[in-house]
Protein backbone atom coordinates (compact mmCIF):
# COMPACT_ATOMS: atom_id res chain seq x y z
CA MET A 1 -31.37 24.14 -38.60
CA THR A 2 -27.93 24.67 -37.06
CA ARG A 3 -27.24 22.89 -33.79
CA THR A 4 -24.47 23.76 -31.36
CA LYS A 5 -23.33 20.61 -29.62
CA THR A 6 -22.09 20.46 -26.10
CA TRP A 7 -19.05 18.28 -25.86
CA THR A 8 -16.86 16.26 -23.63
CA ALA A 9 -15.38 18.33 -20.88
CA LEU A 10 -14.24 15.08 -19.45
CA PHE A 11 -12.18 16.28 -16.64
CA ALA A 12 -12.44 16.19 -12.91
CA ALA A 13 -13.54 19.76 -12.27
CA ALA A 14 -16.87 18.86 -13.81
CA ALA A 15 -17.43 16.44 -10.92
CA MET A 16 -15.32 13.83 -12.72
CA ALA A 17 -18.43 13.43 -14.71
CA LEU A 18 -17.18 12.29 -18.00
CA THR A 19 -14.73 9.57 -17.42
CA LEU A 20 -16.32 7.58 -20.14
CA ALA A 21 -16.97 3.98 -21.01
CA ALA A 22 -15.30 1.69 -18.52
CA CYS A 23 -13.57 -1.14 -20.30
CA GLY A 24 -11.33 -3.64 -18.66
CA ALA A 25 -11.92 -7.36 -18.93
CA ASN A 26 -13.39 -7.37 -22.43
CA LYS A 27 -15.72 -10.26 -23.21
CA THR A 28 -16.79 -10.27 -26.82
CA ASP A 29 -18.55 -13.62 -26.93
CA ASP A 30 -20.17 -13.23 -23.55
CA THR A 31 -23.60 -14.21 -22.38
CA SER A 32 -24.82 -12.83 -19.08
CA SER A 33 -26.56 -15.19 -16.72
CA ASP A 34 -28.88 -13.23 -14.49
CA ALA A 35 -28.88 -9.89 -12.75
CA ALA A 36 -26.49 -10.92 -10.03
CA THR A 37 -25.21 -8.33 -7.66
CA GLY A 38 -21.63 -8.99 -8.68
CA GLY A 39 -20.22 -8.55 -5.22
CA ASP A 40 -18.04 -5.75 -3.97
CA THR A 41 -16.27 -4.95 -7.24
CA SER A 42 -16.56 -1.18 -7.55
CA THR A 43 -14.62 1.57 -5.84
CA ASP A 44 -16.06 1.83 -2.34
CA THR A 45 -16.04 5.42 -1.12
CA SER A 46 -17.36 4.80 2.36
CA THR A 47 -16.29 6.89 5.32
CA ASP A 48 -17.44 7.76 8.79
CA ALA A 49 -15.77 11.16 8.72
CA GLY A 50 -17.72 14.40 8.55
CA THR A 51 -21.26 15.37 9.37
CA ASP A 52 -24.16 12.96 9.07
CA THR A 53 -26.59 14.25 6.50
CA GLY A 54 -29.14 11.56 7.16
CA THR A 55 -32.82 11.69 7.93
CA ASP A 56 -32.89 15.23 9.27
CA THR A 57 -31.14 16.78 6.29
CA ALA A 58 -34.03 17.31 3.90
CA THR A 59 -36.35 18.88 6.44
CA ASP A 60 -33.90 21.06 8.33
CA GLY A 61 -34.65 24.71 7.77
CA ASP A 62 -30.93 25.47 7.41
CA ASP A 63 -30.42 22.59 5.00
CA ALA A 64 -28.49 23.27 1.83
CA GLY A 65 -30.68 23.38 -1.25
CA THR A 66 -34.41 23.38 -1.72
CA ASP A 67 -36.79 20.45 -1.46
CA SER A 68 -39.68 20.10 -3.83
CA GLY A 69 -42.09 17.49 -5.14
CA THR A 70 -41.96 14.38 -3.01
CA ALA A 71 -38.49 15.03 -1.65
CA THR A 72 -38.60 14.09 2.02
CA GLY A 73 -36.39 12.26 4.47
CA SER A 74 -32.73 11.48 3.87
CA LYS A 75 -30.63 13.51 1.50
CA VAL A 76 -27.18 13.59 -0.11
CA VAL A 77 -25.71 16.76 -1.61
CA ILE A 78 -23.13 16.35 -4.39
CA VAL A 79 -21.17 19.32 -5.73
CA SER A 80 -20.71 19.86 -9.45
CA ALA A 81 -18.23 22.51 -10.55
CA ALA A 82 -20.20 23.21 -13.73
CA ASP A 83 -23.83 23.51 -14.71
CA PRO A 84 -24.96 20.65 -16.98
CA GLY A 85 -26.59 22.99 -19.47
CA ASN A 86 -28.53 20.82 -21.91
CA LEU A 87 -30.46 18.16 -19.94
CA ASP A 88 -31.16 16.00 -22.98
CA PRO A 89 -28.83 13.10 -22.12
CA GLN A 90 -28.24 12.16 -25.76
CA MET A 91 -27.39 15.69 -26.88
CA SER A 92 -24.65 16.54 -24.42
CA VAL A 93 -21.59 14.75 -23.14
CA VAL A 94 -20.36 17.72 -21.16
CA GLY A 95 -19.02 16.35 -17.90
CA ALA A 96 -21.72 17.67 -15.61
CA ALA A 97 -24.51 16.61 -17.95
CA PHE A 98 -23.08 13.10 -18.31
CA GLU A 99 -22.91 12.70 -14.54
CA LEU A 100 -26.51 13.82 -14.02
CA ALA A 101 -27.85 11.63 -16.82
CA PHE A 102 -27.44 8.42 -14.83
CA TYR A 103 -29.53 9.63 -11.93
CA ALA A 104 -32.64 9.48 -14.09
CA TYR A 105 -31.72 7.31 -17.07
CA ASP A 106 -30.50 3.74 -17.46
CA SER A 107 -28.05 2.25 -19.91
CA LEU A 108 -28.53 -1.06 -21.66
CA LEU A 109 -25.62 -2.58 -19.68
CA GLY A 110 -23.52 -1.62 -16.67
CA THR A 111 -19.81 -1.94 -15.94
CA ASN A 112 -18.07 -2.53 -12.62
CA ALA A 113 -14.68 -1.27 -11.46
CA SER A 114 -12.95 -4.34 -12.83
CA GLY A 115 -14.25 -3.55 -16.30
CA GLU A 116 -16.72 -6.44 -16.23
CA VAL A 117 -20.02 -5.97 -18.03
CA GLN A 118 -23.13 -6.20 -15.84
CA ALA A 119 -26.83 -6.59 -16.47
CA GLN A 120 -28.97 -3.46 -16.39
CA LEU A 121 -31.85 -2.88 -18.80
CA ALA A 122 -30.66 -6.04 -20.52
CA LYS A 123 -30.43 -9.18 -18.41
CA GLU A 124 -28.67 -11.35 -21.00
CA TRP A 125 -26.63 -10.69 -24.12
CA THR A 126 -24.48 -12.24 -26.81
CA TYR A 127 -21.97 -10.48 -29.05
CA GLU A 128 -20.38 -12.40 -31.89
CA GLY A 129 -18.78 -10.88 -34.97
CA SER A 130 -20.91 -7.91 -36.01
CA THR A 131 -24.15 -8.99 -34.29
CA ALA A 132 -25.17 -8.31 -30.70
CA VAL A 133 -28.43 -9.55 -29.18
CA PHE A 134 -29.80 -8.27 -25.86
CA THR A 135 -32.64 -9.77 -23.83
CA MET A 136 -34.47 -7.15 -21.79
CA ASN A 137 -35.48 -7.32 -18.14
CA GLU A 138 -39.22 -7.51 -17.59
CA GLY A 139 -41.36 -4.85 -15.97
CA ILE A 140 -39.17 -1.81 -16.68
CA THR A 141 -41.16 1.37 -16.17
CA CYS A 142 -40.46 5.03 -16.87
CA SER A 143 -40.96 7.99 -14.59
CA ASP A 144 -44.13 8.88 -16.54
CA GLY A 145 -45.58 5.42 -15.84
CA SER A 146 -45.07 4.04 -19.34
CA GLU A 147 -43.24 0.81 -20.14
CA LEU A 148 -39.71 0.77 -21.52
CA THR A 149 -39.52 -2.00 -24.12
CA ALA A 150 -37.08 -3.56 -26.53
CA GLN A 151 -38.52 -1.31 -29.20
CA THR A 152 -37.77 1.73 -27.04
CA VAL A 153 -34.11 0.73 -26.92
CA ALA A 154 -33.96 0.11 -30.67
CA ASP A 155 -35.57 3.50 -31.33
CA ASN A 156 -32.99 5.19 -29.08
CA ILE A 157 -30.09 3.62 -30.95
CA ASN A 158 -31.49 4.37 -34.38
CA TRP A 159 -32.24 7.98 -33.40
CA ALA A 160 -28.64 8.53 -32.24
CA GLU A 161 -27.28 6.75 -35.32
CA ASN A 162 -29.02 9.25 -37.61
CA PRO A 163 -26.43 11.99 -38.37
CA GLU A 164 -29.25 14.49 -38.94
CA ASN A 165 -30.01 14.35 -35.22
CA ALA A 166 -26.46 15.50 -34.45
CA SER A 167 -26.02 13.46 -31.28
CA PRO A 168 -22.47 13.91 -29.96
CA TYR A 169 -22.51 10.24 -28.97
CA LEU A 170 -22.42 9.09 -32.58
CA GLY A 171 -18.98 7.85 -33.57
CA VAL A 172 -17.62 8.71 -30.12
CA PHE A 173 -19.41 6.55 -27.56
CA LEU A 174 -21.79 4.81 -29.92
CA PRO A 175 -20.10 3.15 -32.91
CA ALA A 176 -21.34 4.53 -36.21
CA GLY A 177 -23.15 2.12 -38.47
CA ILE A 178 -25.36 0.26 -35.97
CA THR A 179 -28.84 -0.75 -37.09
CA ALA A 180 -31.12 -1.83 -34.24
CA THR A 181 -34.26 -3.95 -34.50
CA ALA A 182 -36.60 -5.14 -31.75
CA ASP A 183 -38.86 -8.08 -31.01
CA ASN A 184 -41.12 -6.99 -28.18
CA ALA A 185 -42.74 -10.41 -27.93
CA ALA A 186 -39.37 -12.04 -27.29
CA GLY A 187 -38.08 -9.03 -25.37
CA THR A 188 -34.93 -8.80 -27.52
CA VAL A 189 -32.99 -6.06 -29.27
CA THR A 190 -30.58 -6.94 -32.07
CA PHE A 191 -27.71 -4.71 -33.20
CA GLU A 192 -26.14 -5.22 -36.61
CA LEU A 193 -22.81 -3.40 -36.77
CA ALA A 194 -21.24 -2.09 -39.95
CA VAL A 195 -17.88 -3.19 -38.52
CA PRO A 196 -17.02 -4.94 -35.24
CA ALA A 197 -16.31 -2.72 -32.23
CA PRO A 198 -13.68 -3.95 -29.73
CA PHE A 199 -15.43 -2.48 -26.68
CA LEU A 200 -19.07 -2.29 -27.75
CA LEU A 201 -20.52 -3.80 -24.57
CA GLU A 202 -18.48 -1.55 -22.27
CA THR A 203 -19.32 1.52 -24.32
CA LEU A 204 -23.05 0.81 -24.11
CA SER A 205 -22.81 1.26 -20.34
CA ASN A 206 -22.38 4.97 -21.03
CA PHE A 207 -25.27 5.49 -23.44
CA PRO A 208 -28.40 6.69 -21.58
CA ILE A 209 -31.77 5.43 -22.83
CA VAL A 210 -34.74 7.82 -22.83
CA CYS A 211 -38.39 6.77 -22.77
CA ASP A 212 -40.88 6.83 -25.64
CA ALA A 213 -42.45 10.17 -24.74
CA ALA A 214 -39.05 11.87 -24.84
CA LEU A 215 -38.25 10.30 -28.20
CA ALA A 216 -41.50 11.75 -29.53
CA ASP A 217 -40.97 15.18 -27.96
CA ARG A 218 -37.45 15.96 -26.82
CA SER A 219 -38.56 19.32 -25.39
CA LEU A 220 -39.95 17.33 -22.45
CA MET A 221 -36.35 17.01 -21.25
CA THR A 222 -35.68 20.76 -21.19
CA SER A 223 -36.20 20.99 -17.43
CA ALA A 224 -37.40 17.50 -16.52
CA THR A 225 -36.40 13.87 -16.98
CA VAL A 226 -38.26 11.12 -18.82
CA GLY A 227 -36.30 8.00 -18.00
CA SER A 228 -36.35 4.63 -16.29
CA GLY A 229 -33.55 5.44 -13.85
CA PRO A 230 -33.56 5.21 -10.04
CA TYR A 231 -34.26 8.93 -9.51
CA GLU A 232 -36.45 11.55 -11.12
CA LEU A 233 -35.65 15.24 -11.50
CA VAL A 234 -38.19 17.34 -9.59
CA GLU A 235 -36.50 20.72 -9.55
CA ALA A 236 -34.08 22.34 -11.99
CA ALA A 237 -32.53 25.66 -10.99
CA PRO A 238 -29.78 26.27 -13.58
CA GLU A 239 -26.45 27.49 -12.20
CA ASP A 240 -27.70 26.70 -8.69
CA HIS A 241 -28.99 23.17 -8.06
CA TYR A 242 -30.84 20.14 -9.41
CA THR A 243 -32.99 18.04 -7.09
CA TYR A 244 -33.81 14.37 -7.67
CA VAL A 245 -36.15 12.09 -5.74
CA ARG A 246 -35.93 8.31 -5.48
CA ARG A 247 -38.38 6.19 -7.46
CA ASP A 248 -40.15 3.24 -5.88
CA GLY A 249 -40.24 -0.14 -7.56
CA TYR A 250 -36.91 0.18 -9.37
CA THR A 251 -35.34 -3.32 -9.67
CA TRP A 252 -33.28 -3.28 -12.90
CA GLY A 253 -30.19 -1.32 -11.89
CA PRO A 254 -26.56 -2.33 -12.55
CA GLY A 255 -26.06 -5.92 -11.46
CA GLY A 256 -29.70 -6.10 -10.27
CA ALA A 257 -29.53 -3.04 -8.01
CA THR A 258 -32.80 -1.69 -6.61
CA THR A 259 -34.05 1.40 -4.80
CA ALA A 260 -35.37 -0.65 -1.87
CA GLU A 261 -32.09 -0.90 0.04
CA ALA A 262 -31.72 0.50 3.57
CA GLY A 263 -29.95 3.84 3.76
CA GLN A 264 -30.58 4.99 0.21
CA PRO A 265 -31.29 8.73 0.16
CA ASP A 266 -34.79 9.84 -0.68
CA THR A 267 -33.34 12.97 -2.25
CA VAL A 268 -30.12 13.75 -4.12
CA GLU A 269 -29.26 17.37 -4.70
CA VAL A 270 -26.58 18.31 -7.20
CA ARG A 271 -25.36 21.76 -6.24
CA ILE A 272 -23.41 23.97 -8.63
CA VAL A 273 -20.31 25.43 -6.95
CA ALA A 274 -17.76 26.61 -9.50
CA ASN A 275 -15.09 27.63 -6.99
CA GLU A 276 -13.18 24.62 -5.66
CA SER A 277 -12.08 26.40 -2.49
CA THR A 278 -15.69 27.27 -1.67
CA ALA A 279 -16.77 23.69 -2.37
CA VAL A 280 -14.17 22.30 0.03
CA ASP A 281 -15.25 24.83 2.67
CA LEU A 282 -18.81 23.53 2.34
CA LEU A 283 -17.61 19.95 2.61
CA LEU A 284 -15.59 20.66 5.75
CA ALA A 285 -18.59 22.46 7.26
CA GLY A 286 -20.82 19.45 6.61
CA ASP A 287 -23.07 21.37 4.23
CA VAL A 288 -22.37 19.08 1.28
CA ASN A 289 -21.33 15.46 1.01
CA VAL A 290 -19.23 14.98 -2.12
CA VAL A 291 -16.67 17.29 -3.77
CA THR A 292 -14.21 16.62 -6.59
CA THR A 293 -10.91 18.48 -6.36
CA VAL A 294 -8.63 19.27 -9.28
CA GLY A 295 -6.37 21.84 -7.62
CA THR A 296 -4.58 22.16 -4.32
CA ASP A 297 -7.70 22.62 -2.14
CA GLY A 298 -8.04 18.87 -1.86
CA ALA A 299 -5.15 18.93 0.60
CA ARG A 300 -7.41 20.65 3.13
CA ALA A 301 -9.97 17.85 2.87
CA ALA A 302 -7.26 15.25 3.30
CA ALA A 303 -5.77 17.11 6.28
CA ALA A 304 -9.22 17.10 7.92
CA GLY A 305 -9.22 13.33 7.79
CA LEU A 306 -11.78 12.95 5.02
CA SER A 307 -11.42 9.94 2.79
CA GLY A 308 -11.53 10.05 -0.96
CA VAL A 309 -11.28 8.05 -4.13
CA GLU A 310 -8.45 8.69 -6.57
CA VAL A 311 -9.29 8.85 -10.27
CA ASN A 312 -6.71 9.50 -12.98
CA ALA A 313 -7.65 12.22 -15.44
CA LEU A 314 -5.95 14.19 -18.17
CA LEU A 315 -5.63 17.88 -17.35
CA GLY A 316 -3.22 18.94 -20.08
CA GLU A 317 -4.33 18.52 -23.69
CA SER A 318 -3.66 20.88 -26.60
CA TRP A 319 -6.20 20.77 -29.39
CA TYR A 320 -5.26 22.52 -32.64
CA ASN A 321 -7.80 23.86 -35.12
CA HIS A 322 -7.10 22.29 -38.52
CA ALA A 323 -9.86 24.17 -40.35
CA GLU A 324 -8.91 26.13 -43.43
CA GLY A 325 -7.89 29.71 -42.70
CA HIS A 326 -6.46 29.01 -39.26
CA PRO A 327 -2.68 29.23 -38.70
CA THR A 328 -2.77 25.86 -36.95
CA ALA A 329 -4.06 24.23 -40.14
CA ASP A 330 -0.37 24.28 -41.11
CA GLN A 331 1.52 21.28 -39.72
CA ALA A 332 4.65 23.40 -39.37
CA VAL A 333 2.86 25.88 -37.09
CA ARG A 334 1.45 23.08 -34.92
CA ILE A 335 4.86 21.47 -34.54
CA ALA A 336 6.54 24.81 -33.82
CA LEU A 337 3.94 25.75 -31.20
CA THR A 338 4.56 22.39 -29.53
CA GLN A 339 8.35 22.81 -29.72
CA ALA A 340 8.05 26.27 -28.15
CA VAL A 341 6.64 25.09 -24.80
CA ASP A 342 8.30 23.04 -22.07
CA LEU A 343 5.65 20.37 -21.59
CA ASP A 344 7.49 18.83 -18.62
CA THR A 345 7.26 22.11 -16.72
CA LEU A 346 3.70 22.79 -17.89
CA ALA A 347 2.64 19.34 -16.64
CA SER A 348 4.13 20.05 -13.23
CA VAL A 349 2.44 23.45 -13.03
CA ILE A 350 -1.04 22.44 -14.21
CA THR A 351 -1.14 19.44 -11.84
CA GLY A 352 0.21 21.38 -8.87
CA GLY A 353 3.24 19.10 -8.78
CA GLU A 354 1.03 16.04 -8.20
CA GLY A 355 0.90 14.72 -11.76
CA SER A 356 3.15 13.79 -14.64
CA ARG A 357 3.40 13.66 -18.41
CA THR A 358 0.90 11.31 -19.97
CA THR A 359 1.84 8.56 -22.40
CA MET A 360 -1.59 8.03 -23.93
CA MET A 361 -5.02 9.58 -24.29
CA ALA A 362 -7.30 7.13 -22.46
CA VAL A 363 -6.17 7.12 -18.82
CA VAL A 364 -9.32 6.72 -16.72
CA PRO A 365 -9.43 3.32 -15.01
CA PRO A 366 -10.27 0.63 -15.73
CA THR A 367 -8.64 1.23 -19.12
CA PRO A 368 -8.04 -1.86 -21.26
CA CYS A 369 -4.90 -0.56 -22.96
CA ILE A 370 -1.67 0.61 -21.31
CA TYR A 371 1.06 1.87 -23.64
CA ASP A 372 3.46 4.72 -24.36
CA ALA A 373 2.44 6.46 -27.57
CA THR A 374 4.08 9.82 -26.87
CA THR A 375 7.79 9.16 -26.20
CA GLY A 376 9.74 9.60 -29.41
CA TYR A 377 6.66 10.87 -31.26
CA LEU A 378 5.59 14.16 -29.71
CA PRO A 379 7.78 17.13 -30.71
CA THR A 380 10.10 17.94 -27.80
CA TYR A 381 10.91 21.30 -26.21
CA ASP A 382 13.27 22.99 -28.66
CA PRO A 383 13.15 26.80 -28.90
CA ASP A 384 15.89 26.79 -31.53
CA GLY A 385 14.02 24.16 -33.48
CA VAL A 386 11.03 26.50 -33.72
CA VAL A 387 13.03 28.80 -35.99
CA ALA A 388 14.11 25.96 -38.25
CA THR A 389 10.57 24.56 -38.46
CA MET A 390 8.96 27.89 -39.27
CA GLU A 391 11.60 29.08 -41.76
CA ALA A 392 11.49 25.77 -43.63
CA ALA A 393 7.76 26.34 -44.13
CA GLY A 394 8.28 29.85 -45.51
CA TYR A 395 7.65 31.96 -42.44
CA THR A 396 9.77 34.97 -41.58
CA LYS A 397 10.04 37.30 -38.60
CA ASP A 398 9.18 40.99 -38.83
CA GLY A 399 11.06 43.83 -37.20
CA ASP A 400 9.48 43.03 -33.84
CA GLY A 401 10.57 39.40 -33.98
CA LEU A 402 7.06 38.10 -34.69
CA TRP A 403 6.28 35.40 -37.22
CA THR A 404 4.65 36.41 -40.50
CA LYS A 405 3.91 34.81 -43.86
CA ASP A 406 3.19 36.64 -47.08
CA GLY A 407 3.11 39.87 -45.09
CA ALA A 408 0.46 38.69 -42.63
CA ALA A 409 1.11 38.19 -38.93
CA VAL A 410 0.65 34.73 -37.42
CA VAL A 411 -2.00 35.41 -34.76
CA VAL A 412 -2.97 32.45 -32.57
CA LYS A 413 -6.23 32.47 -30.59
CA PHE A 414 -5.71 30.47 -27.40
CA LEU A 415 -8.69 29.26 -25.32
CA TYR A 416 -8.44 27.54 -21.96
CA ASP A 417 -11.05 26.31 -19.50
CA SER A 418 -11.52 28.32 -16.30
CA LEU A 419 -12.39 25.10 -14.47
CA LEU A 420 -8.72 24.14 -14.69
CA GLY A 421 -8.40 26.47 -11.70
CA THR A 422 -5.45 28.48 -10.47
CA THR A 423 -2.93 25.87 -11.58
CA GLY A 424 -4.45 25.93 -15.06
CA GLN A 425 -4.21 29.71 -15.14
CA ALA A 426 -0.56 29.56 -14.10
CA ALA A 427 0.20 26.98 -16.77
CA ALA A 428 -1.59 29.07 -19.42
CA GLU A 429 0.45 32.14 -18.47
CA LEU A 430 3.68 30.16 -18.71
CA ALA A 431 2.72 28.74 -22.10
CA MET A 432 1.87 32.20 -23.42
CA GLU A 433 5.23 33.55 -22.25
CA GLN A 434 7.04 30.76 -24.08
CA TRP A 435 4.97 31.10 -27.27
CA GLN A 436 5.50 34.86 -27.32
CA ALA A 437 9.23 34.44 -26.69
CA ALA A 438 9.27 32.13 -29.73
CA GLY A 439 7.73 34.86 -31.89
CA PHE A 440 4.02 33.99 -31.88
CA THR A 441 1.28 36.57 -31.36
CA ILE A 442 -1.15 35.09 -28.83
CA GLU A 443 -4.74 36.23 -28.19
CA PRO A 444 -5.88 34.41 -25.00
CA SER A 445 -9.39 33.82 -23.65
CA GLU A 446 -10.32 32.06 -20.41
CA LEU A 447 -13.83 30.61 -20.73
CA ASP A 448 -16.00 28.34 -18.65
CA THR A 449 -16.76 24.88 -20.02
CA THR A 450 -20.13 25.80 -21.50
CA ARG A 451 -18.88 28.88 -23.34
CA LEU A 452 -15.77 27.09 -24.53
CA SER A 453 -17.93 24.26 -25.85
CA GLU A 454 -20.05 26.77 -27.76
CA VAL A 455 -16.93 28.07 -29.50
CA LEU A 456 -15.50 24.63 -30.28
CA PHE A 457 -18.81 23.29 -31.57
CA GLY A 458 -20.23 26.59 -32.76
CA SER A 459 -18.31 29.56 -34.08
CA GLY A 460 -15.00 27.71 -34.49
CA ASP A 461 -13.16 30.94 -33.64
CA TRP A 462 -10.10 29.39 -32.01
CA ASP A 463 -6.65 27.99 -32.84
CA ILE A 464 -5.43 26.30 -29.65
CA ALA A 465 -7.78 24.95 -26.98
CA TRP A 466 -6.92 23.50 -23.59
CA GLU A 467 -9.99 21.40 -22.85
CA PRO A 468 -9.33 17.98 -21.31
CA VAL A 469 -11.18 15.02 -22.76
CA ASN A 470 -11.04 11.97 -20.51
CA LEU A 471 -11.70 8.48 -21.84
CA MET A 472 -11.56 4.94 -20.55
CA SER A 473 -10.73 3.32 -23.87
CA PRO A 474 -8.96 4.66 -26.97
CA ASP A 475 -11.83 3.87 -29.33
CA GLN A 476 -13.88 6.56 -27.60
CA GLY A 477 -11.64 9.24 -29.11
CA VAL A 478 -12.26 8.26 -32.72
CA GLY A 479 -15.08 10.74 -33.32
CA PHE A 480 -13.07 13.62 -31.92
CA LEU A 481 -9.92 12.79 -33.86
CA SER A 482 -11.28 11.79 -37.27
CA GLY A 483 -14.37 11.54 -39.40
CA LEU A 484 -17.27 13.93 -39.70
CA THR A 485 -16.67 17.54 -38.73
CA VAL A 486 -19.13 19.60 -36.72
CA ALA A 487 -20.54 21.13 -39.90
CA GLU A 488 -21.16 17.61 -41.18
CA GLY A 489 -22.93 16.53 -37.98
CA GLY A 490 -19.93 14.88 -36.34
CA ALA A 491 -17.77 15.52 -33.27
CA ASN A 492 -14.46 16.20 -35.03
CA PHE A 493 -14.39 19.83 -33.90
CA SER A 494 -10.68 20.21 -34.75
CA GLU A 495 -11.31 18.97 -38.31
CA ILE A 496 -8.38 16.55 -38.08
CA THR A 497 -7.61 14.46 -41.17
CA ASN A 498 -4.75 11.99 -40.72
CA GLU A 499 -4.67 9.00 -43.06
CA ALA A 500 -2.13 7.08 -40.97
CA TYR A 501 -4.37 7.45 -37.91
CA THR A 502 -7.42 6.28 -39.82
CA THR A 503 -5.57 3.25 -41.20
CA ALA A 504 -4.28 2.16 -37.80
CA MET A 505 -7.63 2.84 -36.16
CA THR A 506 -9.43 0.76 -38.77
CA GLU A 507 -7.08 -2.11 -37.93
CA ALA A 508 -7.73 -1.62 -34.21
CA LEU A 509 -11.49 -1.61 -34.57
CA ALA A 510 -11.38 -4.87 -36.51
CA LYS A 511 -9.80 -6.64 -33.52
CA THR A 512 -11.32 -7.68 -30.22
CA GLY A 513 -10.52 -6.53 -26.71
CA ALA A 514 -6.90 -6.03 -25.68
CA ASP A 515 -5.68 -7.47 -28.98
CA SER A 516 -6.51 -4.07 -30.45
CA CYS A 517 -4.18 -2.10 -28.16
CA THR A 518 -1.08 -2.22 -30.37
CA SER A 519 -3.04 -0.78 -33.29
CA PHE A 520 -4.57 1.90 -31.05
CA GLN A 521 -1.05 2.84 -29.97
CA ALA A 522 0.07 3.18 -33.59
CA ALA A 523 -2.98 5.32 -34.36
CA GLU A 524 -2.15 7.76 -31.56
CA GLN A 525 1.52 7.90 -32.60
CA ALA A 526 0.44 8.96 -36.09
CA LEU A 527 -1.32 11.97 -34.56
CA TYR A 528 1.45 12.94 -32.18
CA GLN A 529 4.36 12.94 -34.59
CA VAL A 530 2.73 15.71 -36.65
CA ALA A 531 1.21 17.48 -33.60
CA ASP A 532 -2.35 17.00 -34.81
CA PHE A 533 -3.31 16.74 -31.14
CA VAL A 534 -1.06 16.85 -28.06
CA PRO A 535 -1.89 15.28 -24.66
CA TRP A 536 0.68 16.22 -22.05
CA ALA A 537 -0.43 16.04 -18.40
CA VAL A 538 -2.21 13.49 -16.21
CA ARG A 539 -3.08 13.79 -12.54
CA PRO A 540 -4.74 11.58 -9.94
CA ASN A 541 -7.74 13.73 -8.99
CA MET A 542 -9.56 13.20 -5.73
CA ILE A 543 -13.24 12.87 -4.93
CA TYR A 544 -13.70 13.63 -1.21
CA TYR A 545 -16.83 12.71 0.71
CA SER A 546 -18.40 12.96 4.13
CA GLY A 547 -21.64 11.67 5.62
CA THR A 548 -22.27 9.32 2.71
CA THR A 549 -20.97 6.15 1.10
CA TYR A 550 -21.15 5.23 -2.56
CA GLU A 551 -19.28 3.68 -5.46
CA TYR A 552 -17.76 5.52 -8.39
CA VAL A 553 -17.10 3.80 -11.72
CA GLY A 554 -16.77 6.38 -14.48
CA HIS A 555 -19.66 8.26 -12.91
CA THR A 556 -21.52 8.06 -9.61
CA GLN A 557 -23.20 4.68 -9.25
CA VAL A 558 -26.41 6.23 -8.00
CA THR A 559 -27.96 3.05 -6.58
CA THR A 560 -24.97 2.65 -4.23
CA LEU A 561 -25.49 6.01 -2.49
CA ARG A 562 -26.11 5.65 1.25
CA VAL A 563 -26.55 8.28 3.94
CA GLY A 564 -24.57 8.30 7.15
């Protein structure tokens, strides 16, 4: 059976929903004590601006969204720019799906804004060499009333580790080669790793665990949730809204968080609003509580006095299709296409003048590695150099000044995500002008995240794709940049093969914590100097809010949501 994976649209327009795997203060030989609250360590997004959407919200006849099930009382409405699509949390890391996963599902561990690992399903852990042992909290229950045990966790890991199941987490956010075993009597789960992973504990904070019934029948998660998380999905209206209600008796959240705190909303509605301008209008009118802005509309929220949290995210990334039969399989074509565009200007345009060129791939805080892997390695803007590069590889121009080889035109299919907004459209138009001026025939398509994902992980009918992938640590990019292709059950949708990258990455993964950063830098440089993949623009995106307070660390920390 052929599966089409949904992938990491890790950028802010998807509600900043896939800023993956927080990793800061790495602790490889760490043992947690107990489920302490950890203090005020996350990003606090509290404000008293805007309209109170407290206890009257869910029952008001004019209230945004629809209540169902047991949804009564207080309510918070969060805007997502994209529909999550697949609700199976282990089969989609599309931004919107990743964000929604943690309303209803828990991870084995949590991470705070300082990058420190916290207790969650596991209350204690040790990680030494290639062995990690986790001791589970007691009394964890699922939304269907069943118990979540150590064996449940082991079964989740082993399911995702099986390439036949085609989970996009494998080799990306879950290191390949883990074997998990459980001892329910002792309440422990043991991971044996094929090779050490520098940021295993931090990465596990982004792997959602499903309950036994869902493991046995994954169709149960088509329009419902089967998890141990603080909320349960009670209504799914694709392309419109998703309604969650708070579970009673939840005591095993990040750092010991519960659902018994004053001010926690009874209901959380995630409303799909693709147009950023419309979303900001709703926020200013008090109809919604949280909106992420990628474009210039955020200025209106700021001018209205609303507070927000700033989160770095890549907006400009050029992925090249290396598969046989595509023009971009040729290194010379990739380099020439990169030389043909002014990345400095494109970065300014796509970020609305509020961003800059990026120096690395993993930019979402708290990132454990800070380095410059691009300067001196990425091909620079050089229109004259395009000619030299292409001619040296045997390409010639026809009578119309367009590149050909062996009598065939070089036709480049260019895809870009509509959620990049008006600034993304402007940048795409500028890039096409420069590519065409350099002699390339460009066939553009603007697609939404879901459709673009279907092409990248399905038909493969593309040559250049602008789809931002946002990571918190460089090891999270391994599956996208090397290893198994989509046809082989992996996430390497570009079919990149770069021996120098693999060698440096192997060295990095054998080290611990920040000691690995130099090798990660070398691995990225190996990609950039041959234009295997080109990151080029970063911007501090804003999440604006009104009538609610909460904390954001890679995704919404659901147990911190408060009304008023």
